[in-house]
Amino acid sequence: MSALEKLIWNVLGYTAMPLIFLIGFIGVSVFTCLVLMWMDKNKG
């Protein structure tokens, strides 16, 4: 593997984990907001 390839894999490895956490957090937040809005609409 060349130095460039090693660099690319390092960058991908280090950005993948926070990205997964961030996308998961955003997904859960949006889903929770939608469920709460839906429950509020059904109640009223």
PDB file of N, CA and C in Angstrom:
ATOM      1  N   MET A   1       0.841  -1.197   0.000  1.00  0.00           N
ATOM      2  CA  MET A   1       0.000   0.000   0.000  1.00  0.00           C
ATOM      3  C   MET A   1       0.877   1.249   0.000  1.00  0.00           C
ATOM      4  N   SER A   2       0.512   2.199  -0.826  1.00  0.00           N
ATOM      5  CA  SER A   2       1.276   3.444  -0.881  1.00  0.00           C
ATOM      6  C   SER A   2       0.899   4.337   0.299  1.00  0.00           C
ATOM      7  N   ALA A   3       1.678   5.382   0.484  1.00  0.00           N
ATOM      8  CA  ALA A   3       1.424   6.309   1.589  1.00  0.00           C
ATOM      9  C   ALA A   3       0.069   6.990   1.419  1.00  0.00           C
ATOM     10  N   LEU A   4      -0.265   7.310   0.167  1.00  0.00           N
ATOM     11  CA  LEU A   4      -1.541   7.975  -0.097  1.00  0.00           C
ATOM     12  C   LEU A   4      -2.712   7.071   0.281  1.00  0.00           C
ATOM     13  N   GLU A   5      -2.605   5.786  -0.100  1.00  0.00           N
ATOM     14  CA  GLU A   5      -3.669   4.838   0.239  1.00  0.00           C
ATOM     15  C   GLU A   5      -3.822   4.705   1.751  1.00  0.00           C
ATOM     16  N   LYS A   6      -2.679   4.646   2.435  1.00  0.00           N
ATOM     17  CA  LYS A   6      -2.700   4.530   3.893  1.00  0.00           C
ATOM     18  C   LYS A   6      -3.389   5.746   4.508  1.00  0.00           C
ATOM     19  N   LEU A   7      -3.067   6.928   3.979  1.00  0.00           N
ATOM     20  CA  LEU A   7      -3.663   8.173   4.466  1.00  0.00           C
ATOM     21  C   LEU A   7      -5.176   8.161   4.253  1.00  0.00           C
ATOM     22  N   ILE A   8      -5.593   7.744   3.052  1.00  0.00           N
ATOM     23  CA  ILE A   8      -7.025   7.709   2.740  1.00  0.00           C
ATOM     24  C   ILE A   8      -7.756   6.763   3.688  1.00  0.00           C
ATOM     25  N   TRP A   9      -7.194   5.571   3.922  1.00  0.00           N
ATOM     26  CA  TRP A   9      -7.851   4.616   4.814  1.00  0.00           C
ATOM     27  C   TRP A   9      -7.890   5.125   6.248  1.00  0.00           C
ATOM     28  N   ASN A  10      -6.823   5.819   6.684  1.00  0.00           N
ATOM     29  CA  ASN A  10      -6.818   6.395   8.027  1.00  0.00           C
ATOM     30  C   ASN A  10      -7.922   7.435   8.173  1.00  0.00           C
ATOM     31  N   VAL A  11      -8.026   8.327   7.179  1.00  0.00           N
ATOM     32  CA  VAL A  11      -9.059   9.369   7.222  1.00  0.00           C
ATOM     33  C   VAL A  11     -10.444   8.733   7.241  1.00  0.00           C
ATOM     34  N   LEU A  12     -10.660   7.738   6.375  1.00  0.00           N
ATOM     35  CA  LEU A  12     -11.956   7.056   6.336  1.00  0.00           C
ATOM     36  C   LEU A  12     -12.261   6.388   7.670  1.00  0.00           C
ATOM     37  N   GLY A  13     -11.260   5.732   8.243  1.00  0.00           N
ATOM     38  CA  GLY A  13     -11.450   5.043   9.515  1.00  0.00           C
ATOM     39  C   GLY A  13     -11.797   5.998  10.641  1.00  0.00           C
ATOM     40  N   TYR A  14     -11.122   7.148  10.676  1.00  0.00           N
ATOM     41  CA  TYR A  14     -11.348   8.090  11.768  1.00  0.00           C
ATOM     42  C   TYR A  14     -12.633   8.894  11.599  1.00  0.00           C
ATOM     43  N   THR A  15     -13.107   9.072  10.361  1.00  0.00           N
ATOM     44  CA  THR A  15     -14.344   9.833  10.170  1.00  0.00           C
ATOM     45  C   THR A  15     -15.574   8.940  10.206  1.00  0.00           C
ATOM     46  N   ALA A  16     -15.405   7.631   9.976  1.00  0.00           N
ATOM     47  CA  ALA A  16     -16.566   6.740   9.914  1.00  0.00           C
ATOM     48  C   ALA A  16     -17.289   6.676  11.256  1.00  0.00           C
ATOM     49  N   MET A  17     -16.541   6.508  12.340  1.00  0.00           N
ATOM     50  CA  MET A  17     -17.157   6.295  13.647  1.00  0.00           C
ATOM     51  C   MET A  17     -17.994   7.501  14.092  1.00  0.00           C
ATOM     52  N   PRO A  18     -17.431   8.716  14.133  1.00  0.00           N
ATOM     53  CA  PRO A  18     -18.251   9.874  14.515  1.00  0.00           C
ATOM     54  C   PRO A  18     -19.442  10.082  13.585  1.00  0.00           C
ATOM     55  N   LEU A  19     -19.242   9.817  12.286  1.00  0.00           N
ATOM     56  CA  LEU A  19     -20.342   9.970  11.331  1.00  0.00           C
ATOM     57  C   LEU A  19     -21.480   9.022  11.661  1.00  0.00           C
ATOM     58  N   ILE A  20     -21.147   7.765  11.986  1.00  0.00           N
ATOM     59  CA  ILE A  20     -22.176   6.783  12.326  1.00  0.00           C
ATOM     60  C   ILE A  20     -22.938   7.243  13.568  1.00  0.00           C
ATOM     61  N   PHE A  21     -22.197   7.716  14.592  1.00  0.00           N
ATOM     62  CA  PHE A  21     -22.854   8.205  15.802  1.00  0.00           C
ATOM     63  C   PHE A  21     -23.761   9.388  15.492  1.00  0.00           C
ATOM     64  N   LEU A  22     -23.243  10.329  14.686  1.00  0.00           N
ATOM     65  CA  LEU A  22     -23.984  11.544  14.352  1.00  0.00           C
ATOM     66  C   LEU A  22     -25.256  11.215  13.580  1.00  0.00           C
ATOM     67  N   ILE A  23     -25.132  10.364  12.553  1.00  0.00           N
ATOM     68  CA  ILE A  23     -26.293   9.999  11.743  1.00  0.00           C
ATOM     69  C   ILE A  23     -27.314   9.249  12.594  1.00  0.00           C
ATOM     70  N   GLY A  24     -26.835   8.364  13.461  1.00  0.00           N
ATOM     71  CA  GLY A  24     -27.736   7.639  14.355  1.00  0.00           C
ATOM     72  C   GLY A  24     -28.466   8.586  15.292  1.00  0.00           C
ATOM     73  N   PHE A  25     -27.730   9.543  15.866  1.00  0.00           N
ATOM     74  CA  PHE A  25     -28.331  10.503  16.789  1.00  0.00           C
ATOM     75  C   PHE A  25     -29.382  11.355  16.084  1.00  0.00           C
ATOM     76  N   ILE A  26     -29.052  11.852  14.885  1.00  0.00           N
ATOM     77  CA  ILE A  26     -29.994  12.672  14.119  1.00  0.00           C
ATOM     78  C   ILE A  26     -31.228  11.855  13.755  1.00  0.00           C
ATOM     79  N   GLY A  27     -31.007  10.603  13.337  1.00  0.00           N
ATOM     80  CA  GLY A  27     -32.129   9.733  12.984  1.00  0.00           C
ATOM     81  C   GLY A  27     -33.065   9.509  14.153  1.00  0.00           C
ATOM     82  N   VAL A  28     -32.498   9.219  15.319  1.00  0.00           N
ATOM     83  CA  VAL A  28     -33.320   8.982  16.508  1.00  0.00           C
ATOM     84  C   VAL A  28     -34.066  10.256  16.894  1.00  0.00           C
ATOM     85  N   SER A  29     -33.402  11.414  16.810  1.00  0.00           N
ATOM     86  CA  SER A  29     -34.043  12.687  17.156  1.00  0.00           C
ATOM     87  C   SER A  29     -35.231  12.963  16.247  1.00  0.00           C
ATOM     88  N   VAL A  30     -35.033  12.824  14.941  1.00  0.00           N
ATOM     89  CA  VAL A  30     -36.102  13.082  13.977  1.00  0.00           C
ATOM     90  C   VAL A  30     -37.259  12.114  14.214  1.00  0.00           C
ATOM     91  N   PHE A  31     -36.934  10.834  14.402  1.00  0.00           N
ATOM     92  CA  PHE A  31     -37.964   9.823  14.634  1.00  0.00           C
ATOM     93  C   PHE A  31     -38.766  10.142  15.895  1.00  0.00           C
ATOM     94  N   THR A  32     -38.068  10.526  16.972  1.00  0.00           N
ATOM     95  CA  THR A  32     -38.741  10.851  18.231  1.00  0.00           C
ATOM     96  C   THR A  32     -39.659  12.056  18.062  1.00  0.00           C
ATOM     97  N   CYS A  33     -39.178  13.094  17.367  1.00  0.00           N
ATOM     98  CA  CYS A  33     -40.001  14.285  17.131  1.00  0.00           C
ATOM     99  C   CYS A  33     -41.251  13.926  16.337  1.00  0.00           C
ATOM    100  N   LEU A  34     -41.094  13.106  15.292  1.00  0.00           N
ATOM    101  CA  LEU A  34     -42.246  12.705  14.485  1.00  0.00           C
ATOM    102  C   LEU A  34     -43.256  11.927  15.321  1.00  0.00           C
ATOM    103  N   VAL A  35     -42.775  11.000  16.146  1.00  0.00           N
ATOM    104  CA  VAL A  35     -43.676  10.202  16.987  1.00  0.00           C
ATOM    105  C   VAL A  35     -44.406  11.102  17.974  1.00  0.00           C
ATOM    106  N   LEU A  36     -43.686  12.040  18.590  1.00  0.00           N
ATOM    107  CA  LEU A  36     -44.319  12.936  19.563  1.00  0.00           C
ATOM    108  C   LEU A  36     -45.362  13.825  18.893  1.00  0.00           C
ATOM    109  N   MET A  37     -45.044  14.349  17.706  1.00  0.00           N
ATOM    110  CA  MET A  37     -46.007  15.177  16.979  1.00  0.00           C
ATOM    111  C   MET A  37     -47.242  14.362  16.606  1.00  0.00           C
ATOM    112  N   TRP A  38     -47.020  13.120  16.168  1.00  0.00           N
ATOM    113  CA  TRP A  38     -48.121  12.239  15.777  1.00  0.00           C
ATOM    114  C   TRP A  38     -49.013  11.928  16.981  1.00  0.00           C
ATOM    115  N   MET A  39     -48.388  11.652  18.144  1.00  0.00           N
ATOM    116  CA  MET A  39     -49.158  11.361  19.351  1.00  0.00           C
ATOM    117  C   MET A  39     -49.964  12.587  19.782  1.00  0.00           C
ATOM    118  N   ASP A  40     -49.348  13.769  19.677  1.00  0.00           N
ATOM    119  CA  ASP A  40     -50.018  15.010  20.058  1.00  0.00           C
ATOM    120  C   ASP A  40     -51.219  15.261  19.149  1.00  0.00           C
ATOM    121  N   LYS A  41     -51.066  14.976  17.846  1.00  0.00           N
ATOM    122  CA  LYS A  41     -52.150  15.186  16.890  1.00  0.00           C
ATOM    123  C   LYS A  41     -53.307  14.219  17.186  1.00  0.00           C
ATOM    124  N   ASN A  42     -52.968  12.985  17.538  1.00  0.00           N
ATOM    125  CA  ASN A  42     -54.001  11.990  17.823  1.00  0.00           C
ATOM    126  C   ASN A  42     -54.757  12.324  19.106  1.00  0.00           C
ATOM    127  N   LYS A  43     -54.067  12.958  20.061  1.00  0.00           N
ATOM    128  CA  LYS A  43     -54.681  13.282  21.342  1.00  0.00           C
ATOM    129  C   LYS A  43     -55.676  14.432  21.183  1.00  0.00           C
ATOM    130  N   GLY A  44     -55.289  15.421  20.358  1.00  0.00           N
ATOM    131  CA  GLY A  44     -56.075  16.641  20.240  1.00  0.00           C
ATOM    132  C   GLY A  44     -57.180  16.580  19.315  1.00  0.00           C
TER     133      GLY A  44
END
